[in-house]
Amino acid sequence: MEWLAAYDDAKVAKEIIIAISNIVDEGNFYAREAGLEFMAMDESRVAMVILNMPATLFQKYDFEPPDGKETIVMGINFSELKKIIQRAKSKDSVIFSLKKERDRFFFTVTFYRGTLEERSLQRSFALPLIEIPEEKIPIKELQYDVSIEFAPASALGEIISDASVIGEDLRIITNASKKELKFVVESDTGGFYEYLAPLDREETIVEFNVKNDAESLYSIDFLKKFMRASRVSEMVRLEYSKNMPLKLTFMIGGGVELSYLLAPRIV
């Protein structure tokens, strides 16, 4: 059983792992011939994170699963992995790999400079794999009434940061006939925040599809954690319907997608 994935931008990898660790403490990476995947829910069962990194993204991708298997499952403590990945420097590349030492498998992280063939300043860290039950999370393809893409992704992050000054829950309202999107927050003391975006004129909205009016309420705390991914994302797609889970999908480049699902507040 062998697996290795070399990525030329450790900074991007760092932000992806931190964005995951903000939601879950541990979970399984799934290495397949097509690439690296991750899916897990937070402890409260309110939020889910999904990662897809295609094999074509990596400078080098070696994959040799156990006999009769199509997947290598790697249980990771993300609190520990976060400490390691934060040691990445701005010019580093990174290799993720699976290694066996002393009859035990380890998830290894190797930072280096230069080419893959002629590495310098090479530093390696290893975490023992942990046994995490493989949870079968049924993800049906949700049909949303509202889909809006923001570029840069940080534009949505600014709206959420502004909203967090006033309250804890963000109400998202879309009017199909007026082609308007509103973000509204009310505080316990009567404070109020509103951001109104005309969908066909807002410069940070690059594409939208609104089938029906929609209004729903979501936790700002979780949304702020999700927006960590905006640091390395070219664009983010927001999808939701009335009283349905909100979906945020960050497009990070090279075919990488980091998605979050967040259950609505039912009031």
Protein backbone atom coordinates (compact mmCIF):
# COMPACT_ATOMS: atom_id res chain seq x y z
CA MET A 1 0.00 0.00 0.00
CA GLU A 2 1.54 3.29 -1.14
CA TRP A 3 0.38 6.86 -1.60
CA LEU A 4 2.19 10.12 -2.31
CA ALA A 5 0.94 13.53 -3.47
CA ALA A 6 3.36 16.38 -4.20
CA TYR A 7 1.90 19.89 -4.30
CA ASP A 8 3.91 22.95 -5.27
CA ASP A 9 2.17 25.49 -2.99
CA ALA A 10 2.33 24.68 0.71
CA LYS A 11 0.56 27.94 1.56
CA VAL A 12 -2.61 26.85 -0.23
CA ALA A 13 -2.44 23.40 1.36
CA LYS A 14 -2.03 25.08 4.76
CA GLU A 15 -5.15 27.17 4.33
CA ILE A 16 -7.20 24.19 3.17
CA ILE A 17 -6.21 22.11 6.20
CA ILE A 18 -6.80 24.98 8.62
CA ALA A 19 -10.21 25.58 7.04
CA ILE A 20 -11.10 21.92 7.65
CA SER A 21 -9.69 21.90 11.20
CA ASN A 22 -11.89 24.88 12.09
CA ILE A 23 -14.89 22.55 11.69
CA VAL A 24 -13.74 19.04 12.63
CA ASP A 25 -11.21 17.64 15.11
CA GLU A 26 -10.61 14.38 13.26
CA GLY A 27 -11.67 12.63 10.10
CA ASN A 28 -10.69 10.33 7.25
CA PHE A 29 -8.81 11.30 4.13
CA TYR A 30 -9.75 9.06 1.21
CA ALA A 31 -7.00 8.59 -1.36
CA ARG A 32 -8.23 7.22 -4.66
CA GLU A 33 -6.82 6.95 -8.14
CA ALA A 34 -8.79 10.06 -9.10
CA GLY A 35 -7.41 12.14 -6.22
CA LEU A 36 -7.76 13.00 -2.55
CA GLU A 37 -11.16 13.43 -0.85
CA PHE A 38 -12.46 14.28 2.59
CA MET A 39 -15.93 14.38 4.13
CA ALA A 40 -16.94 14.83 7.77
CA MET A 41 -19.47 16.50 10.04
CA ASP A 42 -18.76 18.63 13.09
CA GLU A 43 -19.56 17.28 16.54
CA SER A 44 -22.84 19.18 16.76
CA ARG A 45 -24.00 17.65 13.44
CA VAL A 46 -24.84 21.15 12.19
CA ALA A 47 -22.08 21.55 9.60
CA MET A 48 -20.31 19.36 7.08
CA VAL A 49 -17.09 19.87 5.15
CA ILE A 50 -16.28 18.20 1.81
CA LEU A 51 -12.95 18.40 -0.02
CA ASN A 52 -12.03 17.23 -3.51
CA MET A 53 -8.46 17.52 -4.80
CA PRO A 54 -8.04 15.85 -8.22
CA ALA A 55 -4.91 13.84 -8.93
CA THR A 56 -4.13 16.15 -11.86
CA LEU A 57 -3.56 18.99 -9.39
CA PHE A 58 -0.41 17.40 -7.99
CA GLN A 59 3.07 17.50 -9.50
CA LYS A 60 3.36 13.84 -8.65
CA TYR A 61 0.64 11.45 -7.56
CA ASP A 62 1.42 7.83 -6.71
CA PHE A 63 -1.37 5.52 -5.69
CA GLU A 64 -1.16 1.82 -4.91
CA PRO A 65 -4.08 0.59 -2.77
CA PRO A 66 -4.19 -2.68 -0.84
CA ASP A 67 -5.07 -5.75 -2.88
CA GLY A 68 -8.73 -5.79 -3.81
CA LYS A 69 -9.29 -2.20 -2.66
CA GLU A 70 -9.86 1.02 -4.58
CA THR A 71 -9.35 3.40 -1.65
CA ILE A 72 -6.74 4.11 1.00
CA VAL A 73 -8.38 5.41 4.19
CA MET A 74 -6.24 7.62 6.43
CA GLY A 75 -7.63 8.65 9.80
CA ILE A 76 -6.24 12.03 10.83
CA ASN A 77 -6.24 14.11 14.00
CA PHE A 78 -6.73 17.56 12.47
CA SER A 79 -5.75 19.41 15.63
CA GLU A 80 -2.30 17.83 15.33
CA LEU A 81 -2.13 18.19 11.55
CA LYS A 82 -2.95 21.90 11.88
CA LYS A 83 0.09 22.41 14.13
CA ILE A 84 2.30 20.77 11.50
CA ILE A 85 0.91 22.54 8.44
CA GLN A 86 1.31 25.92 10.14
CA ARG A 87 5.08 25.35 9.94
CA ALA A 88 4.88 25.82 6.16
CA LYS A 89 6.80 28.83 4.87
CA SER A 90 5.72 31.06 1.99
CA LYS A 91 8.06 29.56 -0.62
CA ASP A 92 7.66 25.92 0.43
CA SER A 93 6.26 23.06 -1.59
CA VAL A 94 4.79 20.07 0.22
CA ILE A 95 4.57 16.30 -0.12
CA PHE A 96 1.84 14.33 1.62
CA SER A 97 2.50 10.62 1.82
CA LEU A 98 1.76 7.38 3.61
CA LYS A 99 4.68 5.63 5.23
CA LYS A 100 5.07 2.51 7.30
CA GLU A 101 7.48 2.57 10.23
CA ARG A 102 7.78 0.03 13.01
CA ASP A 103 4.72 -1.88 11.74
CA ARG A 104 2.60 1.25 11.91
CA PHE A 105 1.34 3.58 9.21
CA PHE A 106 1.98 7.32 9.36
CA PHE A 107 0.61 10.32 7.46
CA THR A 108 3.70 12.33 6.62
CA VAL A 109 4.07 15.97 5.65
CA THR A 110 7.33 17.03 3.99
CA PHE A 111 8.15 20.68 3.25
CA TYR A 112 10.88 21.50 0.78
CA ARG A 113 12.27 24.12 -1.61
CA GLY A 114 13.28 23.78 -5.23
CA THR A 115 12.26 21.08 -7.64
CA LEU A 116 10.77 17.75 -6.66
CA GLU A 117 13.86 15.99 -7.99
CA GLU A 118 16.43 18.30 -6.34
CA ARG A 119 14.91 19.26 -3.00
CA SER A 120 16.55 21.44 -0.40
CA LEU A 121 15.60 22.62 3.11
CA GLN A 122 13.58 19.42 3.46
CA ARG A 123 11.66 18.93 6.72
CA SER A 124 9.38 15.97 7.45
CA PHE A 125 6.70 15.45 10.09
CA ALA A 126 4.74 12.26 10.72
CA LEU A 127 1.41 11.59 12.42
CA PRO A 128 0.28 8.05 13.26
CA LEU A 129 -2.96 7.13 11.54
CA ILE A 130 -5.91 6.74 13.89
CA GLU A 131 -8.92 4.47 13.63
CA ILE A 132 -11.99 6.52 12.81
CA PRO A 133 -15.26 4.75 11.98
CA GLU A 134 -16.16 5.32 8.34
CA GLU A 135 -19.44 7.14 8.55
CA LYS A 136 -21.63 6.74 5.50
CA ILE A 137 -23.07 10.21 5.07
CA PRO A 138 -25.79 10.19 2.42
CA ILE A 139 -25.36 13.28 0.28
CA LYS A 140 -28.15 13.64 -2.20
CA GLU A 141 -27.85 16.29 -4.87
CA LEU A 142 -29.83 19.16 -3.41
CA GLN A 143 -31.86 21.34 -5.73
CA TYR A 144 -31.56 24.97 -4.68
CA ASP A 145 -33.76 27.93 -5.51
CA VAL A 146 -30.86 30.36 -5.27
CA SER A 147 -27.29 30.07 -6.58
CA ILE A 148 -24.97 33.11 -6.47
CA GLU A 149 -21.25 33.26 -7.24
CA PHE A 150 -18.99 35.90 -5.66
CA ALA A 151 -15.54 36.89 -6.89
CA PRO A 152 -13.35 37.42 -5.08
CA ALA A 153 -14.59 35.08 -2.36
CA SER A 154 -13.45 37.60 0.24
CA ALA A 155 -16.34 39.87 -0.80
CA LEU A 156 -18.77 37.49 0.88
CA GLY A 157 -16.41 37.26 3.84
CA GLU A 158 -16.61 41.03 4.35
CA ILE A 159 -20.40 40.89 4.45
CA ILE A 160 -20.33 38.12 7.06
CA SER A 161 -17.71 39.95 9.14
CA ASP A 162 -19.81 43.12 9.12
CA ALA A 163 -22.88 41.12 10.14
CA SER A 164 -21.04 39.50 13.06
CA VAL A 165 -20.64 42.92 14.72
CA ILE A 166 -24.42 43.06 15.30
CA GLY A 167 -25.67 39.55 16.01
CA GLU A 168 -25.28 35.78 15.88
CA ASP A 169 -27.67 34.75 13.10
CA LEU A 170 -27.64 35.86 9.47
CA ARG A 171 -30.89 36.01 7.54
CA ILE A 172 -30.47 35.64 3.77
CA ILE A 173 -33.37 36.90 1.67
CA THR A 174 -33.61 36.68 -2.11
CA ASN A 175 -36.37 38.32 -4.17
CA ALA A 176 -36.65 36.69 -7.58
CA SER A 177 -38.77 39.36 -9.29
CA LYS A 178 -36.64 42.26 -8.03
CA LYS A 179 -33.38 40.36 -8.53
CA GLU A 180 -32.27 41.40 -5.06
CA LEU A 181 -30.22 39.69 -2.38
CA LYS A 182 -30.29 40.86 1.24
CA PHE A 183 -28.25 39.90 4.27
CA VAL A 184 -29.95 40.95 7.51
CA VAL A 185 -28.96 40.68 11.18
CA GLU A 186 -30.83 41.84 14.26
CA SER A 187 -29.29 42.02 17.74
CA ASP A 188 -30.94 41.18 21.06
CA THR A 189 -30.81 44.87 21.97
CA GLY A 190 -32.48 46.08 18.78
CA GLY A 191 -29.39 46.71 16.65
CA PHE A 192 -29.71 46.11 12.92
CA TYR A 193 -27.49 45.38 9.92
CA GLU A 194 -28.53 45.06 6.29
CA TYR A 195 -26.59 44.53 3.08
CA LEU A 196 -28.62 44.93 -0.10
CA ALA A 197 -27.19 43.62 -3.38
CA PRO A 198 -28.89 44.14 -6.77
CA LEU A 199 -27.94 40.85 -8.41
CA ASP A 200 -27.56 42.23 -11.92
CA ARG A 201 -25.48 45.25 -10.85
CA GLU A 202 -23.36 44.12 -7.90
CA GLU A 203 -19.78 44.05 -9.17
CA THR A 204 -18.68 41.18 -6.89
CA ILE A 205 -21.52 38.92 -8.12
CA VAL A 206 -20.32 37.23 -11.30
CA GLU A 207 -23.21 34.83 -11.86
CA PHE A 208 -26.59 34.12 -10.34
CA ASN A 209 -29.60 31.87 -10.83
CA VAL A 210 -32.75 32.58 -8.80
CA LYS A 211 -35.71 30.27 -9.42
CA ASN A 212 -37.91 31.33 -6.51
CA ASP A 213 -37.95 33.69 -3.55
CA ALA A 214 -36.02 32.31 -0.60
CA GLU A 215 -35.43 33.27 3.02
CA SER A 216 -33.48 31.36 5.65
CA LEU A 217 -31.45 31.89 8.82
CA TYR A 218 -27.91 30.60 9.49
CA SER A 219 -25.27 30.71 12.23
CA ILE A 220 -22.76 33.51 11.70
CA ASP A 221 -20.17 31.71 13.83
CA PHE A 222 -20.05 28.79 11.41
CA LEU A 223 -20.12 31.07 8.37
CA LYS A 224 -17.09 32.97 9.65
CA LYS A 225 -15.22 29.68 10.11
CA PHE A 226 -16.11 28.65 6.56
CA MET A 227 -14.79 31.91 5.15
CA ARG A 228 -11.23 31.03 6.17
CA ALA A 229 -11.07 29.31 2.78
CA SER A 230 -11.55 32.67 1.03
CA ARG A 231 -7.85 33.40 1.62
CA VAL A 232 -6.93 31.06 -1.23
CA SER A 233 -10.19 30.91 -3.19
CA GLU A 234 -10.79 32.56 -6.53
CA MET A 235 -14.56 32.37 -6.21
CA VAL A 236 -17.28 31.11 -3.86
CA ARG A 237 -20.74 29.84 -4.76
CA LEU A 238 -23.57 30.34 -2.26
CA GLU A 239 -26.61 28.08 -2.67
CA TYR A 240 -29.72 27.88 -0.51
CA SER A 241 -33.50 27.54 -0.37
CA LYS A 242 -36.06 28.28 2.32
CA ASN A 243 -35.29 26.28 5.49
CA MET A 244 -32.74 24.11 3.69
CA PRO A 245 -29.02 23.62 4.35
CA LEU A 246 -26.88 26.37 2.90
CA LYS A 247 -24.00 25.26 0.69
CA LEU A 248 -20.80 27.24 0.20
CA THR A 249 -18.38 25.97 -2.44
CA PHE A 250 -14.92 27.53 -2.66
CA MET A 251 -13.14 27.14 -6.00
CA ILE A 252 -9.44 27.17 -5.17
CA GLY A 253 -7.76 26.54 -8.51
CA GLY A 254 -6.53 23.45 -10.28
CA GLY A 255 -9.95 21.84 -9.85
CA VAL A 256 -9.89 21.94 -6.03
CA GLU A 257 -13.30 22.40 -4.40
CA LEU A 258 -13.85 22.89 -0.68
CA SER A 259 -17.53 22.81 0.22
CA TYR A 260 -19.51 23.35 3.40
CA LEU A 261 -23.08 22.50 4.26
CA LEU A 262 -24.79 24.33 7.14
CA ALA A 263 -28.16 23.46 8.63
CA PRO A 264 -30.61 26.37 8.93
CA ARG A 265 -31.86 27.84 12.15
CA ILE A 266 -35.54 26.93 12.39
CA VAL A 267 -37.41 29.72 14.18
